[in-house]
């Protein structure tokens, strides 16, 4: 199964994903590239900002992707 196939299956089951989930769960390091590939194949995926606190207790934001049905 390719990274795009794994990612699409995950989005169909869980609806959203962020880069840390992609790395830990799917082994995908360049999530934005795979999202681009899925969008190029015609899948509707929205990008939102998700606020997090990092390991240094700093506030930051990361991309969160959502599959649009």
PDB file of N, CA and C in Angstrom:
ATOM      1  N   UNK A   1       0.852  -1.176   0.000  1.00  0.00           N
ATOM      2  CA  UNK A   1       0.000   0.000   0.000  1.00  0.00           C
ATOM      3  C   UNK A   1       0.902   1.246   0.000  1.00  0.00           C
ATOM      4  N   UNK A   2       0.591   2.194  -0.838  1.00  0.00           N
ATOM      5  CA  UNK A   2       1.393   3.414  -0.927  1.00  0.00           C
ATOM      6  C   UNK A   2       1.051   4.378   0.219  1.00  0.00           C
ATOM      7  N   UNK A   3       1.879   5.382   0.395  1.00  0.00           N
ATOM      8  CA  UNK A   3       1.606   6.385   1.418  1.00  0.00           C
ATOM      9  C   UNK A   3       0.284   7.091   1.152  1.00  0.00           C
ATOM     10  N   UNK A   4      -0.002   7.408  -0.094  1.00  0.00           N
ATOM     11  CA  UNK A   4      -1.264   8.076  -0.431  1.00  0.00           C
ATOM     12  C   UNK A   4      -2.455   7.177  -0.114  1.00  0.00           C
ATOM     13  N   UNK A   5      -2.342   5.916  -0.407  1.00  0.00           N
ATOM     14  CA  UNK A   5      -3.429   4.981  -0.110  1.00  0.00           C
ATOM     15  C   UNK A   5      -3.650   4.866   1.393  1.00  0.00           C
ATOM     16  N   UNK A   6      -2.556   4.763   2.158  1.00  0.00           N
ATOM     17  CA  UNK A   6      -2.674   4.699   3.623  1.00  0.00           C
ATOM     18  C   UNK A   6      -3.302   5.972   4.176  1.00  0.00           C
ATOM     19  N   UNK A   7      -2.862   7.114   3.658  1.00  0.00           N
ATOM     20  CA  UNK A   7      -3.378   8.400   4.118  1.00  0.00           C
ATOM     21  C   UNK A   7      -4.857   8.545   3.801  1.00  0.00           C
ATOM     22  N   UNK A   8      -5.255   8.203   2.593  1.00  0.00           N
ATOM     23  CA  UNK A   8      -6.662   8.306   2.218  1.00  0.00           C
ATOM     24  C   UNK A   8      -7.525   7.393   3.075  1.00  0.00           C
ATOM     25  N   UNK A   9      -7.077   6.183   3.312  1.00  0.00           N
ATOM     26  CA  UNK A   9      -7.817   5.254   4.158  1.00  0.00           C
ATOM     27  C   UNK A   9      -7.949   5.816   5.575  1.00  0.00           C
ATOM     28  N   UNK A  10      -6.871   6.377   6.100  1.00  0.00           N
ATOM     29  CA  UNK A  10      -6.895   6.951   7.442  1.00  0.00           C
ATOM     30  C   UNK A  10      -7.888   8.120   7.507  1.00  0.00           C
ATOM     31  N   UNK A  11      -7.852   8.999   6.504  1.00  0.00           N
ATOM     32  CA  UNK A  11      -8.774  10.130   6.481  1.00  0.00           C
ATOM     33  C   UNK A  11     -10.225   9.671   6.369  1.00  0.00           C
ATOM     34  N   UNK A  12     -10.472   8.626   5.610  1.00  0.00           N
ATOM     35  CA  UNK A  12     -11.837   8.102   5.484  1.00  0.00           C
ATOM     36  C   UNK A  12     -12.342   7.542   6.812  1.00  0.00           C
ATOM     37  N   UNK A  13     -11.440   6.999   7.612  1.00  0.00           N
ATOM     38  CA  UNK A  13     -11.817   6.410   8.895  1.00  0.00           C
ATOM     39  C   UNK A  13     -11.837   7.430  10.030  1.00  0.00           C
ATOM     40  N   UNK A  14     -10.929   8.422   9.997  1.00  0.00           N
ATOM     41  CA  UNK A  14     -10.766   9.342  11.128  1.00  0.00           C
ATOM     42  C   UNK A  14     -11.071  10.797  10.792  1.00  0.00           C
ATOM     43  N   UNK A  15     -11.253  11.120   9.548  1.00  0.00           N
ATOM     44  CA  UNK A  15     -11.660  12.435   9.052  1.00  0.00           C
ATOM     45  C   UNK A  15     -10.562  13.505   9.068  1.00  0.00           C
ATOM     46  N   UNK A  16      -9.689  13.550  10.070  1.00  0.00           N
ATOM     47  CA  UNK A  16      -8.638  14.565  10.113  1.00  0.00           C
ATOM     48  C   UNK A  16      -7.291  13.931  10.449  1.00  0.00           C
ATOM     49  N   UNK A  17      -6.239  14.688  10.131  1.00  0.00           N
ATOM     50  CA  UNK A  17      -4.881  14.253  10.467  1.00  0.00           C
ATOM     51  C   UNK A  17      -3.981  15.478  10.546  1.00  0.00           C
ATOM     52  N   UNK A  18      -2.980  15.410  11.400  1.00  0.00           N
ATOM     53  CA  UNK A  18      -1.962  16.452  11.469  1.00  0.00           C
ATOM     54  C   UNK A  18      -0.595  15.791  11.254  1.00  0.00           C
ATOM     55  N   UNK A  19       0.458  16.588  11.084  1.00  0.00           N
ATOM     56  CA  UNK A  19       1.770  16.007  10.770  1.00  0.00           C
ATOM     57  C   UNK A  19       2.304  15.020  11.806  1.00  0.00           C
ATOM     58  N   UNK A  20       2.077  15.263  13.080  1.00  0.00           N
ATOM     59  CA  UNK A  20       2.582  14.341  14.097  1.00  0.00           C
ATOM     60  C   UNK A  20       1.868  12.996  14.024  1.00  0.00           C
ATOM     61  N   UNK A  21       0.556  13.021  13.827  1.00  0.00           N
ATOM     62  CA  UNK A  21      -0.192  11.768  13.662  1.00  0.00           C
ATOM     63  C   UNK A  21       0.297  11.020  12.428  1.00  0.00           C
ATOM     64  N   UNK A  22       0.503  11.757  11.338  1.00  0.00           N
ATOM     65  CA  UNK A  22       0.955  11.127  10.093  1.00  0.00           C
ATOM     66  C   UNK A  22       2.296  10.427  10.293  1.00  0.00           C
ATOM     67  N   UNK A  23       3.194  11.068  11.021  1.00  0.00           N
ATOM     68  CA  UNK A  23       4.510  10.498  11.261  1.00  0.00           C
ATOM     69  C   UNK A  23       4.422   9.282  12.172  1.00  0.00           C
ATOM     70  N   UNK A  24       3.717   9.430  13.292  1.00  0.00           N
ATOM     71  CA  UNK A  24       3.645   8.349  14.279  1.00  0.00           C
ATOM     72  C   UNK A  24       2.819   7.150  13.806  1.00  0.00           C
ATOM     73  N   UNK A  25       1.689   7.424  13.171  1.00  0.00           N
ATOM     74  CA  UNK A  25       0.746   6.350  12.838  1.00  0.00           C
ATOM     75  C   UNK A  25       0.986   5.764  11.452  1.00  0.00           C
ATOM     76  N   UNK A  26       1.298   6.632  10.488  1.00  0.00           N
ATOM     77  CA  UNK A  26       1.390   6.183   9.098  1.00  0.00           C
ATOM     78  C   UNK A  26       2.815   6.156   8.546  1.00  0.00           C
ATOM     79  N   UNK A  27       3.766   6.696   9.295  1.00  0.00           N
ATOM     80  CA  UNK A  27       5.146   6.730   8.806  1.00  0.00           C
ATOM     81  C   UNK A  27       5.342   7.702   7.657  1.00  0.00           C
ATOM     82  N   UNK A  28       4.503   8.734   7.595  1.00  0.00           N
ATOM     83  CA  UNK A  28       4.586   9.736   6.531  1.00  0.00           C
ATOM     84  C   UNK A  28       5.225  10.988   7.105  1.00  0.00           C
ATOM     85  N   UNK A  29       6.404  11.325   6.612  1.00  0.00           N
ATOM     86  CA  UNK A  29       7.140  12.480   7.109  1.00  0.00           C
ATOM     87  C   UNK A  29       6.730  13.765   6.388  1.00  0.00           C
ATOM     88  N   UNK A  30       6.489  13.689   5.093  1.00  0.00           N
ATOM     89  CA  UNK A  30       6.120  14.879   4.305  1.00  0.00           C
ATOM     90  C   UNK A  30       4.633  14.856   3.995  1.00  0.00           C
ATOM     91  N   UNK A  31       3.837  15.070   5.041  1.00  0.00           N
ATOM     92  CA  UNK A  31       2.381  14.994   4.910  1.00  0.00           C
ATOM     93  C   UNK A  31       1.848  15.966   3.864  1.00  0.00           C
ATOM     94  N   UNK A  32       2.343  17.181   3.858  1.00  0.00           N
ATOM     95  CA  UNK A  32       1.826  18.172   2.910  1.00  0.00           C
ATOM     96  C   UNK A  32       2.001  17.718   1.459  1.00  0.00           C
ATOM     97  N   UNK A  33       3.067  16.995   1.177  1.00  0.00           N
ATOM     98  CA  UNK A  33       3.280  16.480  -0.182  1.00  0.00           C
ATOM     99  C   UNK A  33       2.254  15.418  -0.546  1.00  0.00           C
ATOM    100  N   UNK A  34       1.947  14.543   0.394  1.00  0.00           N
ATOM    101  CA  UNK A  34       0.945  13.510   0.130  1.00  0.00           C
ATOM    102  C   UNK A  34      -0.447  14.127   0.014  1.00  0.00           C
ATOM    103  N   UNK A  35      -0.736  15.172   0.802  1.00  0.00           N
ATOM    104  CA  UNK A  35      -2.012  15.881   0.684  1.00  0.00           C
ATOM    105  C   UNK A  35      -2.115  16.501  -0.706  1.00  0.00           C
ATOM    106  N   UNK A  36      -1.034  17.101  -1.173  1.00  0.00           N
ATOM    107  CA  UNK A  36      -1.002  17.671  -2.521  1.00  0.00           C
ATOM    108  C   UNK A  36      -1.309  16.600  -3.563  1.00  0.00           C
ATOM    109  N   UNK A  37      -0.717  15.426  -3.410  1.00  0.00           N
ATOM    110  CA  UNK A  37      -0.964  14.330  -4.348  1.00  0.00           C
ATOM    111  C   UNK A  37      -2.436  13.930  -4.345  1.00  0.00           C
ATOM    112  N   UNK A  38      -3.029  13.816  -3.155  1.00  0.00           N
ATOM    113  CA  UNK A  38      -4.446  13.432  -3.065  1.00  0.00           C
ATOM    114  C   UNK A  38      -5.346  14.504  -3.680  1.00  0.00           C
ATOM    115  N   UNK A  39      -5.016  15.765  -3.436  1.00  0.00           N
ATOM    116  CA  UNK A  39      -5.793  16.851  -4.039  1.00  0.00           C
ATOM    117  C   UNK A  39      -5.671  16.808  -5.559  1.00  0.00           C
ATOM    118  N   UNK A  40      -4.476  16.525  -6.056  1.00  0.00           N
ATOM    119  CA  UNK A  40      -4.256  16.434  -7.506  1.00  0.00           C
ATOM    120  C   UNK A  40      -5.065  15.300  -8.126  1.00  0.00           C
ATOM    121  N   UNK A  41      -5.354  14.277  -7.323  1.00  0.00           N
ATOM    122  CA  UNK A  41      -6.172  13.151  -7.787  1.00  0.00           C
ATOM    123  C   UNK A  41      -7.666  13.431  -7.655  1.00  0.00           C
ATOM    124  N   UNK A  42      -8.017  14.639  -7.191  1.00  0.00           N
ATOM    125  CA  UNK A  42      -9.422  15.039  -7.141  1.00  0.00           C
ATOM    126  C   UNK A  42     -10.089  14.932  -5.779  1.00  0.00           C
ATOM    127  N   UNK A  43      -9.353  14.569  -4.746  1.00  0.00           N
ATOM    128  CA  UNK A  43      -9.938  14.481  -3.407  1.00  0.00           C
ATOM    129  C   UNK A  43     -10.036  15.882  -2.810  1.00  0.00           C
ATOM    130  N   UNK A  44     -11.170  16.139  -2.144  1.00  0.00           N
ATOM    131  CA  UNK A  44     -11.377  17.438  -1.514  1.00  0.00           C
ATOM    132  C   UNK A  44     -10.862  17.375  -0.078  1.00  0.00           C
ATOM    133  N   UNK A  45      -9.820  18.145   0.200  1.00  0.00           N
ATOM    134  CA  UNK A  45      -9.203  18.167   1.521  1.00  0.00           C
ATOM    135  C   UNK A  45      -9.002  19.626   1.923  1.00  0.00           C
ATOM    136  N   UNK A  46      -9.498  19.964   3.107  1.00  0.00           N
ATOM    137  CA  UNK A  46      -9.358  21.317   3.640  1.00  0.00           C
ATOM    138  C   UNK A  46      -8.167  21.365   4.591  1.00  0.00           C
ATOM    139  N   UNK A  47      -7.544  22.541   4.673  1.00  0.00           N
ATOM    140  CA  UNK A  47      -6.434  22.769   5.596  1.00  0.00           C
ATOM    141  C   UNK A  47      -6.869  23.783   6.637  1.00  0.00           C
ATOM    142  N   UNK A  48      -6.664  23.443   7.896  1.00  0.00           N
ATOM    143  CA  UNK A  48      -6.968  24.337   9.009  1.00  0.00           C
ATOM    144  C   UNK A  48      -5.734  24.432   9.897  1.00  0.00           C
ATOM    145  N   UNK A  49      -5.636  25.478  10.679  1.00  0.00           N
ATOM    146  CA  UNK A  49      -4.557  25.611  11.658  1.00  0.00           C
ATOM    147  C   UNK A  49      -5.031  25.043  12.995  1.00  0.00           C
ATOM    148  N   UNK A  50      -4.168  24.260  13.617  1.00  0.00           N
ATOM    149  CA  UNK A  50      -4.449  23.642  14.912  1.00  0.00           C
ATOM    150  C   UNK A  50      -3.410  24.170  15.897  1.00  0.00           C
ATOM    151  N   UNK A  51      -3.862  24.776  16.988  1.00  0.00           N
ATOM    152  CA  UNK A  51      -2.939  25.304  17.990  1.00  0.00           C
ATOM    153  C   UNK A  51      -2.507  24.188  18.931  1.00  0.00           C
ATOM    154  N   UNK A  52      -1.200  24.133  19.170  1.00  0.00           N
ATOM    155  CA  UNK A  52      -0.640  23.126  20.068  1.00  0.00           C
ATOM    156  C   UNK A  52       0.379  23.780  20.995  1.00  0.00           C
ATOM    157  N   UNK A  53       0.755  23.065  22.021  1.00  0.00           N
ATOM    158  CA  UNK A  53       1.859  23.456  22.893  1.00  0.00           C
ATOM    159  C   UNK A  53       2.970  22.437  22.681  1.00  0.00           C
ATOM    160  N   UNK A  54       4.161  22.918  22.324  1.00  0.00           N
ATOM    161  CA  UNK A  54       5.258  21.995  22.033  1.00  0.00           C
ATOM    162  C   UNK A  54       5.941  21.530  23.314  1.00  0.00           C
ATOM    163  N   UNK A  55       6.989  20.746  23.165  1.00  0.00           N
ATOM    164  CA  UNK A  55       7.692  20.164  24.311  1.00  0.00           C
ATOM    165  C   UNK A  55       8.396  21.202  25.175  1.00  0.00           C
ATOM    166  N   UNK A  56       8.551  22.423  24.667  1.00  0.00           N
ATOM    167  CA  UNK A  56       9.185  23.501  25.417  1.00  0.00           C
ATOM    168  C   UNK A  56       8.148  24.437  26.026  1.00  0.00           C
ATOM    169  N   UNK A  57       6.880  23.980  26.008  1.00  0.00           N
ATOM    170  CA  UNK A  57       5.746  24.728  26.549  1.00  0.00           C
ATOM    171  C   UNK A  57       5.502  26.033  25.786  1.00  0.00           C
ATOM    172  N   UNK A  58       5.821  26.020  24.494  1.00  0.00           N
ATOM    173  CA  UNK A  58       5.591  27.171  23.624  1.00  0.00           C
ATOM    174  C   UNK A  58       4.332  26.924  22.802  1.00  0.00           C
ATOM    175  N   UNK A  59       3.523  27.958  22.643  1.00  0.00           N
ATOM    176  CA  UNK A  59       2.329  27.872  21.809  1.00  0.00           C
ATOM    177  C   UNK A  59       2.741  28.007  20.344  1.00  0.00           C
ATOM    178  N   UNK A  60       2.196  27.144  19.518  1.00  0.00           N
ATOM    179  CA  UNK A  60       2.482  27.196  18.081  1.00  0.00           C
ATOM    180  C   UNK A  60       1.282  26.624  17.340  1.00  0.00           C
ATOM    181  N   UNK A  61       1.342  26.591  16.042  1.00  0.00           N
ATOM    182  CA  UNK A  61       0.247  25.993  15.275  1.00  0.00           C
ATOM    183  C   UNK A  61       0.813  25.088  14.200  1.00  0.00           C
ATOM    184  N   UNK A  62       0.025  24.085  13.851  1.00  0.00           N
ATOM    185  CA  UNK A  62       0.385  23.148  12.800  1.00  0.00           C
ATOM    186  C   UNK A  62      -0.821  22.995  11.874  1.00  0.00           C
ATOM    187  N   UNK A  63      -0.584  22.479  10.708  1.00  0.00           N
ATOM    188  CA  UNK A  63      -1.681  22.219   9.784  1.00  0.00           C
ATOM    189  C   UNK A  63      -2.455  20.982  10.225  1.00  0.00           C
ATOM    190  N   UNK A  64      -3.759  21.064  10.063  1.00  0.00           N
ATOM    191  CA  UNK A  64      -4.611  19.897  10.258  1.00  0.00           C
ATOM    192  C   UNK A  64      -5.441  19.761   8.988  1.00  0.00           C
ATOM    193  N   UNK A  65      -5.449  18.578   8.442  1.00  0.00           N
ATOM    194  CA  UNK A  65      -6.134  18.333   7.176  1.00  0.00           C
ATOM    195  C   UNK A  65      -7.410  17.559   7.421  1.00  0.00           C
ATOM    196  N   UNK A  66      -8.451  17.939   6.683  1.00  0.00           N
ATOM    197  CA  UNK A  66      -9.760  17.306   6.838  1.00  0.00           C
ATOM    198  C   UNK A  66     -10.295  16.884   5.477  1.00  0.00           C
ATOM    199  N   UNK A  67     -10.713  15.631   5.392  1.00  0.00           N
ATOM    200  CA  UNK A  67     -11.320  15.129   4.166  1.00  0.00           C
ATOM    201  C   UNK A  67     -12.753  15.623   4.096  1.00  0.00           C
ATOM    202  N   UNK A  68     -13.106  16.247   2.982  1.00  0.00           N
ATOM    203  CA  UNK A  68     -14.450  16.778   2.769  1.00  0.00           C
ATOM    204  C   UNK A  68     -15.227  15.782   1.915  1.00  0.00           C
ATOM    205  N   UNK A  69     -16.323  15.333   2.425  1.00  0.00           N
ATOM    206  CA  UNK A  69     -17.145  14.345   1.680  1.00  0.00           C
ATOM    207  C   UNK A  69     -18.084  15.019   0.713  1.00  0.00           C
TER     208      UNK A  69
END
